[in-house]
Each structure stands twice: as structure tokens, then as C-alpha cells.
């Protein structure tokens, strides 16, 4: 997929405020592909790296299998 930069700086800033981090629960080929695609989209659209963090923080994108997420205290 191709992700072109969002040209409107105000729109980019709005997205950067609400989408700041990535937390992946679990380890599977599907989660690797999904997190890679989200990271590429973030870079392409917003021209910034999406931080991958060890815990969930406000404004995080959270990925995981249903089974793994149900075991977590989110």
C-alpha cells in the first residue's frame, strides 16, 4: 500500500495529537504484518515514526489477539 503525506498541516497535527504510540500484545506473523503496516502508514501520512512502547499510554494504538488481550488488565 502507498500512504501519501497529509498535506494539510492542521490535519496532520490533529492526528499526531490522538495517535502517538503503538503497543502490540502477543507475537504472531499476523501481528507483525499489522504493526508494520500501521507503522508504514503513520510514517507515510504523518511523516513521523510511531513509537512502540512497553505499556499502554494515552493515545496508543493497541494490537493483539483476542485471547491475549482478554488475559491483560488493560
PDB file of N, CA and C in Angstrom:
ATOM      1  N   UNK A   1       0.832  -1.178   0.000  1.00  0.00           N
ATOM      2  CA  UNK A   1       0.000   0.000   0.000  1.00  0.00           C
ATOM      3  C   UNK A   1       0.876   1.240   0.000  1.00  0.00           C
ATOM      4  N   UNK A   2       0.310   2.309  -0.487  1.00  0.00           N
ATOM      5  CA  UNK A   2       1.027   3.584  -0.534  1.00  0.00           C
ATOM      6  C   UNK A   2       0.291   4.599   0.334  1.00  0.00           C
ATOM      7  N   UNK A   3       1.040   5.309   1.142  1.00  0.00           N
ATOM      8  CA  UNK A   3       0.464   6.297   2.052  1.00  0.00           C
ATOM      9  C   UNK A   3       1.100   7.648   1.763  1.00  0.00           C
ATOM     10  N   UNK A   4       0.340   8.515   1.134  1.00  0.00           N
ATOM     11  CA  UNK A   4       0.841   9.844   0.803  1.00  0.00           C
ATOM     12  C   UNK A   4       0.679  10.781   1.992  1.00  0.00           C
ATOM     13  N   UNK A   5       1.648  11.648   2.146  1.00  0.00           N
ATOM     14  CA  UNK A   5       1.654  12.623   3.238  1.00  0.00           C
ATOM     15  C   UNK A   5       0.361  13.437   3.248  1.00  0.00           C
ATOM     16  N   UNK A   6      -0.194  13.628   4.425  1.00  0.00           N
ATOM     17  CA  UNK A   6      -1.331  14.525   4.582  1.00  0.00           C
ATOM     18  C   UNK A   6      -0.780  15.937   4.458  1.00  0.00           C
ATOM     19  N   UNK A   7      -1.169  16.634   3.431  1.00  0.00           N
ATOM     20  CA  UNK A   7      -0.590  17.935   3.126  1.00  0.00           C
ATOM     21  C   UNK A   7      -1.049  19.036   4.081  1.00  0.00           C
ATOM     22  N   UNK A   8      -2.275  18.954   4.564  1.00  0.00           N
ATOM     23  CA  UNK A   8      -2.791  19.993   5.454  1.00  0.00           C
ATOM     24  C   UNK A   8      -2.138  19.852   6.833  1.00  0.00           C
ATOM     25  N   UNK A   9      -1.325  20.839   7.210  1.00  0.00           N
ATOM     26  CA  UNK A   9      -0.562  20.741   8.456  1.00  0.00           C
ATOM     27  C   UNK A   9      -1.468  20.703   9.682  1.00  0.00           C
ATOM     28  N   UNK A  10      -2.588  21.377   9.648  1.00  0.00           N
ATOM     29  CA  UNK A  10      -3.528  21.349  10.771  1.00  0.00           C
ATOM     30  C   UNK A  10      -4.102  19.951  10.983  1.00  0.00           C
ATOM     31  N   UNK A  11      -4.454  19.298   9.898  1.00  0.00           N
ATOM     32  CA  UNK A  11      -4.976  17.934   9.979  1.00  0.00           C
ATOM     33  C   UNK A  11      -3.904  16.990  10.493  1.00  0.00           C
ATOM     34  N   UNK A  12      -2.676  17.133   9.992  1.00  0.00           N
ATOM     35  CA  UNK A  12      -1.563  16.307  10.472  1.00  0.00           C
ATOM     36  C   UNK A  12      -1.360  16.479  11.971  1.00  0.00           C
ATOM     37  N   UNK A  13      -1.372  17.715  12.440  1.00  0.00           N
ATOM     38  CA  UNK A  13      -1.187  17.993  13.872  1.00  0.00           C
ATOM     39  C   UNK A  13      -2.302  17.360  14.700  1.00  0.00           C
ATOM     40  N   UNK A  14      -3.530  17.413  14.185  1.00  0.00           N
ATOM     41  CA  UNK A  14      -4.653  16.789  14.899  1.00  0.00           C
ATOM     42  C   UNK A  14      -4.443  15.290  15.048  1.00  0.00           C
ATOM     43  N   UNK A  15      -4.023  14.629  13.963  1.00  0.00           N
ATOM     44  CA  UNK A  15      -3.755  13.192  14.029  1.00  0.00           C
ATOM     45  C   UNK A  15      -2.597  12.886  14.980  1.00  0.00           C
ATOM     46  N   UNK A  16      -1.568  13.700  14.950  1.00  0.00           N
ATOM     47  CA  UNK A  16      -0.410  13.472  15.819  1.00  0.00           C
ATOM     48  C   UNK A  16      -0.768  13.604  17.299  1.00  0.00           C
ATOM     49  N   UNK A  17      -1.772  14.390  17.605  1.00  0.00           N
ATOM     50  CA  UNK A  17      -2.220  14.534  18.991  1.00  0.00           C
ATOM     51  C   UNK A  17      -2.918  13.274  19.494  1.00  0.00           C
ATOM     52  N   UNK A  18      -3.679  12.622  18.622  1.00  0.00           N
ATOM     53  CA  UNK A  18      -4.500  11.494  19.077  1.00  0.00           C
ATOM     54  C   UNK A  18      -3.891  10.125  18.790  1.00  0.00           C
ATOM     55  N   UNK A  19      -2.925  10.055  17.918  1.00  0.00           N
ATOM     56  CA  UNK A  19      -2.246   8.787  17.615  1.00  0.00           C
ATOM     57  C   UNK A  19      -0.758   8.969  17.839  1.00  0.00           C
ATOM     58  N   UNK A  20      -0.252   8.450  18.956  1.00  0.00           N
ATOM     59  CA  UNK A  20       1.136   8.711  19.293  1.00  0.00           C
ATOM     60  C   UNK A  20       1.979   7.466  19.519  1.00  0.00           C
ATOM     61  N   UNK A  21       1.369   6.363  19.916  1.00  0.00           N
ATOM     62  CA  UNK A  21       2.134   5.197  20.340  1.00  0.00           C
ATOM     63  C   UNK A  21       1.514   3.915  19.803  1.00  0.00           C
ATOM     64  N   UNK A  22       2.314   2.864  19.803  1.00  0.00           N
ATOM     65  CA  UNK A  22       1.861   1.547  19.387  1.00  0.00           C
ATOM     66  C   UNK A  22       2.243   0.545  20.461  1.00  0.00           C
ATOM     67  N   UNK A  23       1.281  -0.271  20.871  1.00  0.00           N
ATOM     68  CA  UNK A  23       1.546  -1.363  21.804  1.00  0.00           C
ATOM     69  C   UNK A  23       0.976  -2.635  21.200  1.00  0.00           C
ATOM     70  N   UNK A  24       1.843  -3.644  21.047  1.00  0.00           N
ATOM     71  CA  UNK A  24       1.429  -4.927  20.488  1.00  0.00           C
ATOM     72  C   UNK A  24       1.500  -5.973  21.593  1.00  0.00           C
ATOM     73  N   UNK A  25       0.377  -6.655  21.821  1.00  0.00           N
ATOM     74  CA  UNK A  25       0.315  -7.753  22.774  1.00  0.00           C
ATOM     75  C   UNK A  25       0.333  -9.060  22.000  1.00  0.00           C
ATOM     76  N   UNK A  26       1.342  -9.856  22.248  1.00  0.00           N
ATOM     77  CA  UNK A  26       1.446 -11.138  21.572  1.00  0.00           C
ATOM     78  C   UNK A  26       2.509 -11.124  20.499  1.00  0.00           C
ATOM     79  N   UNK A  27       2.690 -12.288  19.913  1.00  0.00           N
ATOM     80  CA  UNK A  27       3.721 -12.464  18.895  1.00  0.00           C
ATOM     81  C   UNK A  27       3.208 -13.459  17.872  1.00  0.00           C
ATOM     82  N   UNK A  28       2.895 -12.953  16.705  1.00  0.00           N
ATOM     83  CA  UNK A  28       2.431 -13.823  15.628  1.00  0.00           C
ATOM     84  C   UNK A  28       2.771 -13.159  14.302  1.00  0.00           C
ATOM     85  N   UNK A  29       2.825 -13.938  13.247  1.00  0.00           N
ATOM     86  CA  UNK A  29       3.081 -13.342  11.929  1.00  0.00           C
ATOM     87  C   UNK A  29       2.037 -12.275  11.562  1.00  0.00           C
ATOM     88  N   UNK A  30       0.792 -12.511  11.923  1.00  0.00           N
ATOM     89  CA  UNK A  30      -0.265 -11.552  11.613  1.00  0.00           C
ATOM     90  C   UNK A  30      -0.045 -10.238  12.348  1.00  0.00           C
ATOM     91  N   UNK A  31       0.313 -10.319  13.634  1.00  0.00           N
ATOM     92  CA  UNK A  31       0.570  -9.091  14.397  1.00  0.00           C
ATOM     93  C   UNK A  31       1.793  -8.354  13.868  1.00  0.00           C
ATOM     94  N   UNK A  32       2.803  -9.076  13.424  1.00  0.00           N
ATOM     95  CA  UNK A  32       3.985  -8.437  12.849  1.00  0.00           C
ATOM     96  C   UNK A  32       3.618  -7.670  11.579  1.00  0.00           C
ATOM     97  N   UNK A  33       2.816  -8.301  10.721  1.00  0.00           N
ATOM     98  CA  UNK A  33       2.393  -7.640   9.483  1.00  0.00           C
ATOM     99  C   UNK A  33       1.534  -6.421   9.801  1.00  0.00           C
ATOM    100  N   UNK A  34       0.584  -6.575  10.723  1.00  0.00           N
ATOM    101  CA  UNK A  34      -0.310  -5.473  11.066  1.00  0.00           C
ATOM    102  C   UNK A  34       0.454  -4.298  11.676  1.00  0.00           C
ATOM    103  N   UNK A  35       1.353  -4.570  12.604  1.00  0.00           N
ATOM    104  CA  UNK A  35       2.102  -3.473  13.229  1.00  0.00           C
ATOM    105  C   UNK A  35       3.032  -2.807  12.229  1.00  0.00           C
ATOM    106  N   UNK A  36       3.622  -3.586  11.339  1.00  0.00           N
ATOM    107  CA  UNK A  36       4.471  -2.999  10.296  1.00  0.00           C
ATOM    108  C   UNK A  36       3.680  -2.106   9.363  1.00  0.00           C
ATOM    109  N   UNK A  37       2.496  -2.540   8.995  1.00  0.00           N
ATOM    110  CA  UNK A  37       1.659  -1.752   8.088  1.00  0.00           C
ATOM    111  C   UNK A  37       1.189  -0.468   8.762  1.00  0.00           C
ATOM    112  N   UNK A  38       0.812  -0.551  10.025  1.00  0.00           N
ATOM    113  CA  UNK A  38       0.391   0.651  10.759  1.00  0.00           C
ATOM    114  C   UNK A  38       1.560   1.631  10.865  1.00  0.00           C
ATOM    115  N   UNK A  39       2.738   1.120  11.142  1.00  0.00           N
ATOM    116  CA  UNK A  39       3.922   1.988  11.245  1.00  0.00           C
ATOM    117  C   UNK A  39       4.249   2.656   9.916  1.00  0.00           C
ATOM    118  N   UNK A  40       4.160   1.892   8.807  1.00  0.00           N
ATOM    119  CA  UNK A  40       4.412   2.473   7.482  1.00  0.00           C
ATOM    120  C   UNK A  40       3.368   3.536   7.135  1.00  0.00           C
ATOM    121  N   UNK A  41       2.114   3.258   7.465  1.00  0.00           N
ATOM    122  CA  UNK A  41       1.048   4.221   7.185  1.00  0.00           C
ATOM    123  C   UNK A  41       1.267   5.503   7.982  1.00  0.00           C
ATOM    124  N   UNK A  42       1.626   5.353   9.242  1.00  0.00           N
ATOM    125  CA  UNK A  42       1.868   6.507  10.114  1.00  0.00           C
ATOM    126  C   UNK A  42       2.994   7.365   9.539  1.00  0.00           C
ATOM    127  N   UNK A  43       4.084   6.725   9.160  1.00  0.00           N
ATOM    128  CA  UNK A  43       5.223   7.458   8.586  1.00  0.00           C
ATOM    129  C   UNK A  43       4.823   8.134   7.282  1.00  0.00           C
ATOM    130  N   UNK A  44       4.133   7.416   6.429  1.00  0.00           N
ATOM    131  CA  UNK A  44       3.747   7.986   5.144  1.00  0.00           C
ATOM    132  C   UNK A  44       2.785   9.145   5.274  1.00  0.00           C
ATOM    133  N   UNK A  45       1.776   8.989   6.099  1.00  0.00           N
ATOM    134  CA  UNK A  45       0.748  10.010   6.240  1.00  0.00           C
ATOM    135  C   UNK A  45       1.199  11.195   7.082  1.00  0.00           C
ATOM    136  N   UNK A  46       1.930  10.901   8.171  1.00  0.00           N
ATOM    137  CA  UNK A  46       2.231  11.940   9.152  1.00  0.00           C
ATOM    138  C   UNK A  46       3.700  12.336   9.204  1.00  0.00           C
ATOM    139  N   UNK A  47       4.555  11.600   8.467  1.00  0.00           N
ATOM    140  CA  UNK A  47       5.981  11.924   8.390  1.00  0.00           C
ATOM    141  C   UNK A  47       6.682  11.834   9.748  1.00  0.00           C
ATOM    142  N   UNK A  48       6.237  10.916  10.595  1.00  0.00           N
ATOM    143  CA  UNK A  48       6.830  10.697  11.912  1.00  0.00           C
ATOM    144  C   UNK A  48       6.872   9.194  12.181  1.00  0.00           C
ATOM    145  N   UNK A  49       7.810   8.786  13.037  1.00  0.00           N
ATOM    146  CA  UNK A  49       7.836   7.396  13.482  1.00  0.00           C
ATOM    147  C   UNK A  49       6.801   7.192  14.573  1.00  0.00           C
ATOM    148  N   UNK A  50       6.109   6.075  14.525  1.00  0.00           N
ATOM    149  CA  UNK A  50       5.167   5.705  15.568  1.00  0.00           C
ATOM    150  C   UNK A  50       5.948   4.964  16.640  1.00  0.00           C
ATOM    151  N   UNK A  51       5.929   5.488  17.851  1.00  0.00           N
ATOM    152  CA  UNK A  51       6.702   4.888  18.940  1.00  0.00           C
ATOM    153  C   UNK A  51       6.064   3.582  19.391  1.00  0.00           C
ATOM    154  N   UNK A  52       6.894   2.574  19.562  1.00  0.00           N
ATOM    155  CA  UNK A  52       6.455   1.308  20.119  1.00  0.00           C
ATOM    156  C   UNK A  52       6.871   1.286  21.584  1.00  0.00           C
ATOM    157  N   UNK A  53       5.896   1.149  22.472  1.00  0.00           N
ATOM    158  CA  UNK A  53       6.152   1.270  23.895  1.00  0.00           C
ATOM    159  C   UNK A  53       5.884  -0.042  24.631  1.00  0.00           C
ATOM    160  N   UNK A  54       6.488  -0.211  25.804  1.00  0.00           N
ATOM    161  CA  UNK A  54       6.294  -1.443  26.565  1.00  0.00           C
ATOM    162  C   UNK A  54       4.952  -1.504  27.297  1.00  0.00           C
ATOM    163  N   UNK A  55       4.236  -0.387  27.369  1.00  0.00           N
ATOM    164  CA  UNK A  55       2.948  -0.377  28.052  1.00  0.00           C
ATOM    165  C   UNK A  55       1.971   0.503  27.281  1.00  0.00           C
ATOM    166  N   UNK A  56       0.717   0.432  27.674  1.00  0.00           N
ATOM    167  CA  UNK A  56      -0.306   1.247  27.021  1.00  0.00           C
ATOM    168  C   UNK A  56      -0.309   2.632  27.667  1.00  0.00           C
ATOM    169  N   UNK A  57      -0.280   3.617  26.833  1.00  0.00           N
ATOM    170  CA  UNK A  57      -0.356   5.011  27.291  1.00  0.00           C
ATOM    171  C   UNK A  57      -1.503   5.688  26.553  1.00  0.00           C
ATOM    172  N   UNK A  58      -1.904   6.850  27.025  1.00  0.00           N
ATOM    173  CA  UNK A  58      -2.953   7.564  26.291  1.00  0.00           C
ATOM    174  C   UNK A  58      -2.550   7.756  24.825  1.00  0.00           C
ATOM    175  N   UNK A  59      -3.535   7.706  23.980  1.00  0.00           N
ATOM    176  CA  UNK A  59      -3.354   7.915  22.536  1.00  0.00           C
ATOM    177  C   UNK A  59      -2.539   6.809  21.874  1.00  0.00           C
ATOM    178  N   UNK A  60      -2.687   5.582  22.375  1.00  0.00           N
ATOM    179  CA  UNK A  60      -1.982   4.435  21.810  1.00  0.00           C
ATOM    180  C   UNK A  60      -2.882   3.637  20.878  1.00  0.00           C
ATOM    181  N   UNK A  61      -2.274   3.079  19.848  1.00  0.00           N
ATOM    182  CA  UNK A  61      -2.905   2.067  19.024  1.00  0.00           C
ATOM    183  C   UNK A  61      -2.539   0.742  19.673  1.00  0.00           C
ATOM    184  N   UNK A  62      -3.528  -0.098  19.961  1.00  0.00           N
ATOM    185  CA  UNK A  62      -3.285  -1.358  20.646  1.00  0.00           C
ATOM    186  C   UNK A  62      -3.659  -2.507  19.715  1.00  0.00           C
ATOM    187  N   UNK A  63      -2.714  -3.435  19.540  1.00  0.00           N
ATOM    188  CA  UNK A  63      -2.944  -4.625  18.728  1.00  0.00           C
ATOM    189  C   UNK A  63      -2.717  -5.855  19.587  1.00  0.00           C
ATOM    190  N   UNK A  64      -3.482  -6.903  19.308  1.00  0.00           N
ATOM    191  CA  UNK A  64      -3.260  -8.163  20.000  1.00  0.00           C
ATOM    192  C   UNK A  64      -4.327  -9.166  19.612  1.00  0.00           C
ATOM    193  N   UNK A  65      -4.052 -10.416  19.904  1.00  0.00           N
ATOM    194  CA  UNK A  65      -5.067 -11.430  19.676  1.00  0.00           C
ATOM    195  C   UNK A  65      -6.140 -11.298  20.746  1.00  0.00           C
ATOM    196  N   UNK A  66      -7.329 -11.725  20.441  1.00  0.00           N
ATOM    197  CA  UNK A  66      -8.430 -11.655  21.397  1.00  0.00           C
ATOM    198  C   UNK A  66      -8.065 -12.388  22.683  1.00  0.00           C
ATOM    199  N   UNK A  67      -7.506 -13.574  22.545  1.00  0.00           N
ATOM    200  CA  UNK A  67      -7.150 -14.384  23.707  1.00  0.00           C
ATOM    201  C   UNK A  67      -6.128 -13.669  24.581  1.00  0.00           C
ATOM    202  N   UNK A  68      -5.102 -13.100  23.962  1.00  0.00           N
ATOM    203  CA  UNK A  68      -4.054 -12.431  24.719  1.00  0.00           C
ATOM    204  C   UNK A  68      -4.590 -11.185  25.403  1.00  0.00           C
ATOM    205  N   UNK A  69      -5.411 -10.402  24.682  1.00  0.00           N
ATOM    206  CA  UNK A  69      -5.946  -9.175  25.252  1.00  0.00           C
ATOM    207  C   UNK A  69      -6.888  -9.449  26.412  1.00  0.00           C
ATOM    208  N   UNK A  70      -7.660 -10.527  26.343  1.00  0.00           N
ATOM    209  CA  UNK A  70      -8.581 -10.860  27.436  1.00  0.00           C
ATOM    210  C   UNK A  70      -7.823 -11.208  28.713  1.00  0.00           C
ATOM    211  N   UNK A  71      -6.589 -11.653  28.597  1.00  0.00           N
ATOM    212  CA  UNK A  71      -5.792 -12.001  29.765  1.00  0.00           C
ATOM    213  C   UNK A  71      -5.149 -10.777  30.420  1.00  0.00           C
ATOM    214  N   UNK A  72      -5.111  -9.671  29.713  1.00  0.00           N
ATOM    215  CA  UNK A  72      -4.425  -8.474  30.194  1.00  0.00           C
ATOM    216  C   UNK A  72      -5.354  -7.625  31.059  1.00  0.00           C
ATOM    217  N   UNK A  73      -4.780  -6.903  31.967  1.00  0.00           N
ATOM    218  CA  UNK A  73      -5.530  -5.909  32.734  1.00  0.00           C
ATOM    219  C   UNK A  73      -5.292  -4.566  32.064  1.00  0.00           C
ATOM    220  N   UNK A  74      -6.156  -4.233  31.138  1.00  0.00           N
ATOM    221  CA  UNK A  74      -5.974  -3.008  30.343  1.00  0.00           C
ATOM    222  C   UNK A  74      -6.558  -1.841  31.046  1.00  0.00           C
TER     223      UNK A  74
END
